[in-house]
């Protein structure tokens, strides 16, 4: 059977300019299948437009932590920023975001693959790239959140805005990076999986990371025009890849606190 490519995107966070640049690159490569690992909203100014666009182009749409708490005032942090990002969305989008599935399992080139946003147990538990062996193995476990399907040998996730790939103990763990809020290197990044779909026998398989330059200044201009919140932090993230929490809390810059 012929090889097929699947584009994995995550953590757009209301950055429509970055999303459109990445979608253009995906289309130019002739890739027709797009899976989204969550966090469509928050941080950036155009969550509503991002949700609409992702509903249009994404075959798979997974729940992220922002998608879970932002539309729910009873669990979201109470702040002017949270209210602004929530009210920028339509009410029908609140329900759609919270109804996204926790994970997506499929087979590619004889490998059992599982995709989720942050960890195997909850969208609110973060697993950084500098994890220990126990944390690594936990990403491959079945939990009440994932259900009792076949155990994965390949796991992909988002949340930390920090693309990486690690193979150990016969398993592969990778992070797809962030389209709209990439930290460390602020250039949007997405992942391409290539293999034979639904093939139970081993076949060629690859994981590729793609960085796509875009006009960050244009996105910031929109944010200013809309009077979006936390503009100082948004500028630090989009232009310099510095996490906004480090700016507001006077911490040494670190890109390992995203979400």
Protein backbone atom coordinates (compact mmCIF):
# COMPACT_ATOMS: atom_id res chain seq x y z
CA UNK A 1 0.00 0.00 0.00
CA UNK A 2 1.19 3.57 -0.63
CA UNK A 3 2.51 5.75 2.15
CA UNK A 4 0.25 8.48 3.51
CA UNK A 5 1.10 11.68 5.32
CA UNK A 6 -0.84 13.15 8.23
CA UNK A 7 -0.23 16.67 9.54
CA UNK A 8 -0.43 17.10 13.31
CA UNK A 9 -1.01 20.61 14.64
CA UNK A 10 -1.53 21.82 18.20
CA UNK A 11 -1.73 24.86 20.46
CA UNK A 12 -2.90 27.43 17.93
CA UNK A 13 -4.13 29.60 20.83
CA UNK A 14 -6.14 32.10 18.82
CA UNK A 15 -3.26 32.98 16.48
CA UNK A 16 -5.03 32.97 13.12
CA UNK A 17 -2.06 34.39 11.18
CA UNK A 18 0.19 31.52 12.24
CA UNK A 19 -2.53 28.95 11.59
CA UNK A 20 -3.08 30.16 8.04
CA UNK A 21 0.66 30.07 7.32
CA UNK A 22 0.90 26.48 8.56
CA UNK A 23 -2.23 25.41 6.67
CA UNK A 24 -0.78 26.90 3.48
CA UNK A 25 2.41 24.89 3.97
CA UNK A 26 0.40 21.71 4.59
CA UNK A 27 -1.63 22.29 1.44
CA UNK A 28 1.49 23.02 -0.63
CA UNK A 29 2.86 19.60 0.41
CA UNK A 30 -0.31 17.91 -0.81
CA UNK A 31 -1.29 16.70 2.67
CA UNK A 32 -5.04 16.22 3.02
CA UNK A 33 -5.38 14.85 6.57
CA UNK A 34 -4.94 17.19 9.56
CA UNK A 35 -5.24 16.11 13.18
CA UNK A 36 -5.43 18.84 15.86
CA UNK A 37 -4.25 18.09 19.41
CA UNK A 38 -6.06 20.95 21.13
CA UNK A 39 -5.71 24.39 22.71
CA UNK A 40 -7.44 26.27 19.92
CA UNK A 41 -8.17 29.30 22.10
CA UNK A 42 -6.76 31.65 24.73
CA UNK A 43 -3.59 33.75 24.73
CA UNK A 44 -4.20 35.03 21.16
CA UNK A 45 -6.97 37.41 20.01
CA UNK A 46 -8.92 35.34 17.48
CA UNK A 47 -10.09 32.14 19.10
CA UNK A 48 -13.46 32.32 17.39
CA UNK A 49 -11.95 32.41 13.90
CA UNK A 50 -9.43 29.69 14.80
CA UNK A 51 -12.18 27.35 16.02
CA UNK A 52 -14.18 27.91 12.83
CA UNK A 53 -11.14 27.26 10.65
CA UNK A 54 -10.14 24.12 12.53
CA UNK A 55 -13.67 22.76 12.31
CA UNK A 56 -13.41 23.29 8.56
CA UNK A 57 -10.03 21.65 7.88
CA UNK A 58 -9.25 19.21 10.72
CA UNK A 59 -10.32 15.58 10.48
CA UNK A 60 -9.54 14.96 14.16
CA UNK A 61 -9.97 17.57 16.91
CA UNK A 62 -8.78 16.70 20.43
CA UNK A 63 -9.47 18.42 23.76
CA UNK A 64 -6.85 20.76 25.21
CA UNK A 65 -6.59 22.20 28.71
CA UNK A 66 -7.62 25.71 27.60
CA UNK A 67 -10.54 24.22 25.67
CA UNK A 68 -11.68 22.55 28.88
CA UNK A 69 -11.39 25.38 31.39
CA UNK A 70 -11.80 28.61 29.38
CA UNK A 71 -15.48 28.04 28.45
CA UNK A 72 -16.30 27.02 32.05
CA UNK A 73 -16.38 29.99 34.47
CA UNK A 74 -16.74 27.60 37.41
CA UNK A 75 -13.26 26.12 36.84
CA UNK A 76 -11.45 28.87 34.88
CA UNK A 77 -9.28 31.35 36.77
CA UNK A 78 -11.35 34.49 37.33
CA UNK A 79 -9.60 37.37 35.59
CA UNK A 80 -10.30 40.10 33.06
CA UNK A 81 -8.09 38.24 30.57
CA UNK A 82 -10.01 34.97 30.90
CA UNK A 83 -13.34 36.77 30.51
CA UNK A 84 -12.08 38.57 27.39
CA UNK A 85 -10.91 35.33 25.70
CA UNK A 86 -14.11 33.53 26.70
CA UNK A 87 -16.43 36.28 25.48
CA UNK A 88 -14.56 36.57 22.18
CA UNK A 89 -15.92 33.08 21.43
CA UNK A 90 -19.51 32.31 20.47
CA UNK A 91 -21.55 30.32 22.99
CA UNK A 92 -21.91 27.39 20.56
CA UNK A 93 -18.12 27.18 20.47
CA UNK A 94 -17.93 26.82 24.26
CA UNK A 95 -19.88 23.57 24.07
CA UNK A 96 -17.95 22.33 21.03
CA UNK A 97 -14.58 22.90 22.69
CA UNK A 98 -15.49 21.03 25.88
CA UNK A 99 -16.99 18.12 23.91
CA UNK A 100 -13.76 17.27 22.09
CA UNK A 101 -12.51 13.69 22.63
CA UNK A 102 -9.63 13.15 25.03
CA UNK A 103 -7.48 11.10 22.64
CA UNK A 104 -7.33 9.52 19.20
CA UNK A 105 -5.90 6.04 18.55
CA UNK A 106 -5.00 4.59 15.14
CA UNK A 107 -2.55 2.26 13.39
CA UNK A 108 0.13 3.42 10.97
CA UNK A 109 2.81 1.13 9.51
CA UNK A 110 2.20 -1.52 12.15
CA UNK A 111 2.58 0.94 15.01
CA UNK A 112 -0.20 1.59 17.52
CA UNK A 113 -0.36 5.38 17.78
CA UNK A 114 -2.12 7.46 20.41
CA UNK A 115 -2.53 11.23 20.33
CA UNK A 116 -3.66 13.42 23.24
CA UNK A 117 -3.03 16.93 24.47
CA UNK A 118 -0.93 16.73 27.63
CA UNK A 119 -0.74 13.36 29.39
CA UNK A 120 -2.46 10.01 29.53
CA UNK A 121 -4.64 10.87 32.53
CA UNK A 122 -5.79 14.50 32.12
CA UNK A 123 -5.37 17.58 29.93
CA UNK A 124 -4.27 19.45 33.07
CA UNK A 125 -1.21 17.31 33.90
CA UNK A 126 1.88 18.52 32.07
CA UNK A 127 4.75 16.26 30.92
CA UNK A 128 7.88 18.19 29.95
CA UNK A 129 10.62 16.96 27.65
CA UNK A 130 13.02 16.60 30.60
CA UNK A 131 10.94 13.83 32.22
CA UNK A 132 12.16 10.76 34.05
CA UNK A 133 11.57 7.11 33.07
CA UNK A 134 8.44 6.80 35.22
CA UNK A 135 6.88 9.83 33.55
CA UNK A 136 7.90 8.50 30.13
CA UNK A 137 6.25 5.12 30.70
CA UNK A 138 3.10 6.72 32.13
CA UNK A 139 2.45 8.35 28.75
CA UNK A 140 1.86 4.89 27.25
CA UNK A 141 -0.57 3.63 29.88
CA UNK A 142 -4.29 3.09 29.57
CA UNK A 143 -6.22 5.28 32.03
CA UNK A 144 -9.87 6.11 32.65
CA UNK A 145 -9.35 9.06 30.29
CA UNK A 146 -7.89 7.03 27.40
CA UNK A 147 -10.03 3.92 27.80
CA UNK A 148 -8.91 0.31 27.50
CA UNK A 149 -7.79 0.11 23.88
CA UNK A 150 -4.56 -1.48 22.65
CA UNK A 151 -1.53 -0.02 24.40
CA UNK A 152 0.29 2.46 22.16
CA UNK A 153 3.87 2.08 21.01
CA UNK A 154 3.95 5.67 19.68
CA UNK A 155 2.50 8.63 21.58
CA UNK A 156 2.23 12.19 20.33
CA UNK A 157 1.09 15.15 22.40
CA UNK A 158 1.04 18.97 22.56
CA UNK A 159 0.66 21.33 25.54
CA UNK A 160 4.29 22.23 26.27
CA UNK A 161 4.91 24.18 23.03
CA UNK A 162 8.24 22.42 22.68
CA UNK A 163 8.69 19.91 19.84
CA UNK A 164 10.87 16.86 20.49
CA UNK A 165 11.11 13.15 19.73
CA UNK A 166 12.41 10.41 22.03
CA UNK A 167 12.66 6.67 21.42
CA UNK A 168 13.38 4.31 24.32
CA UNK A 169 12.29 0.92 25.63
CA UNK A 170 10.67 0.07 22.30
CA UNK A 171 8.43 3.13 22.47
CA UNK A 172 8.44 6.54 20.78
CA UNK A 173 7.24 9.71 22.48
CA UNK A 174 7.05 12.97 20.56
CA UNK A 175 5.66 16.44 21.03
CA UNK A 176 4.15 18.10 17.98
CA UNK A 177 5.07 21.63 19.08
CA UNK A 178 2.89 24.73 18.85
CA UNK A 179 1.49 26.50 15.81
CA UNK A 180 0.40 29.75 17.44
CA UNK A 181 2.52 30.08 20.57
CA UNK A 182 5.84 28.33 20.00
CA UNK A 183 8.36 29.03 22.76
CA UNK A 184 12.13 28.92 22.72
CA UNK A 185 12.03 29.30 18.93
CA UNK A 186 8.89 31.40 18.20
CA UNK A 187 8.58 30.05 14.65
CA UNK A 188 5.38 27.95 14.34
CA UNK A 189 6.03 24.22 14.20
CA UNK A 190 3.91 21.24 13.25
CA UNK A 191 4.55 17.52 12.72
CA UNK A 192 4.10 15.18 9.77
CA UNK A 193 3.59 11.45 10.28
CA UNK A 194 4.19 9.25 7.25
CA UNK A 195 3.34 5.58 6.96
CA UNK A 196 0.90 3.01 5.67
CA UNK A 197 -2.55 3.62 7.20
CA UNK A 198 -4.33 0.78 8.99
CA UNK A 199 -1.43 -1.61 8.24
CA UNK A 200 -0.87 -4.23 10.94
CA UNK A 201 2.47 -5.32 9.46
CA UNK A 202 5.64 -3.23 9.87
CA UNK A 203 6.22 -0.72 7.07
CA UNK A 204 8.25 2.48 6.56
CA UNK A 205 7.38 5.12 9.14
CA UNK A 206 8.66 8.62 9.80
CA UNK A 207 8.14 11.66 12.02
CA UNK A 208 9.06 15.06 10.60
CA UNK A 209 9.01 18.49 12.26
CA UNK A 210 8.30 21.53 10.07
CA UNK A 211 8.80 25.17 11.06
CA UNK A 212 6.88 27.76 9.05
CA UNK A 213 7.81 31.48 9.19
CA UNK A 214 4.91 33.91 9.36
CA UNK A 215 4.16 37.60 9.96
CA UNK A 216 4.10 37.82 13.76
CA UNK A 217 3.95 41.61 13.62
CA UNK A 218 0.68 41.38 11.66
CA UNK A 219 -0.81 39.13 14.33
CA UNK A 220 0.29 41.54 17.06
CA UNK A 221 -1.27 44.45 15.13
CA UNK A 222 -4.60 42.61 15.18
CA UNK A 223 -4.26 41.96 18.90
CA UNK A 224 -3.64 45.66 19.54
CA UNK A 225 -6.53 46.71 17.31
CA UNK A 226 -8.88 44.41 19.23
CA UNK A 227 -7.58 45.58 22.62
CA UNK A 228 -6.72 41.98 23.51
CA UNK A 229 -5.39 41.33 27.03
CA UNK A 230 -1.81 40.68 28.13
CA UNK A 231 -0.27 42.30 25.09
CA UNK A 232 3.18 42.66 26.65
CA UNK A 233 3.29 38.92 27.29
CA UNK A 234 1.87 38.08 23.88
CA UNK A 235 4.58 40.16 22.18
CA UNK A 236 7.31 38.44 24.23
CA UNK A 237 6.00 35.03 23.19
CA UNK A 238 5.41 35.75 19.49
CA UNK A 239 8.57 37.73 18.82
CA UNK A 240 11.06 36.20 21.25
CA UNK A 241 9.65 32.83 22.36
CA UNK A 242 9.68 33.91 26.02
CA UNK A 243 6.83 32.59 28.17
CA UNK A 244 4.56 35.43 29.35
CA UNK A 245 4.47 34.08 32.91
CA UNK A 246 8.19 34.75 33.19
CA UNK A 247 7.61 38.36 32.12
CA UNK A 248 4.80 39.02 34.58
CA UNK A 249 6.44 37.20 37.50
CA UNK A 250 9.99 38.50 36.91
CA UNK A 251 11.36 34.99 36.49
CA UNK A 252 14.39 33.93 34.48
CA UNK A 253 12.99 33.21 30.98
CA UNK A 254 12.02 29.58 30.47
CA UNK A 255 10.00 27.95 27.69
CA UNK A 256 9.09 24.91 29.81
CA UNK A 257 6.06 26.42 31.54
CA UNK A 258 3.65 26.63 28.59
CA UNK A 259 0.22 25.13 28.31
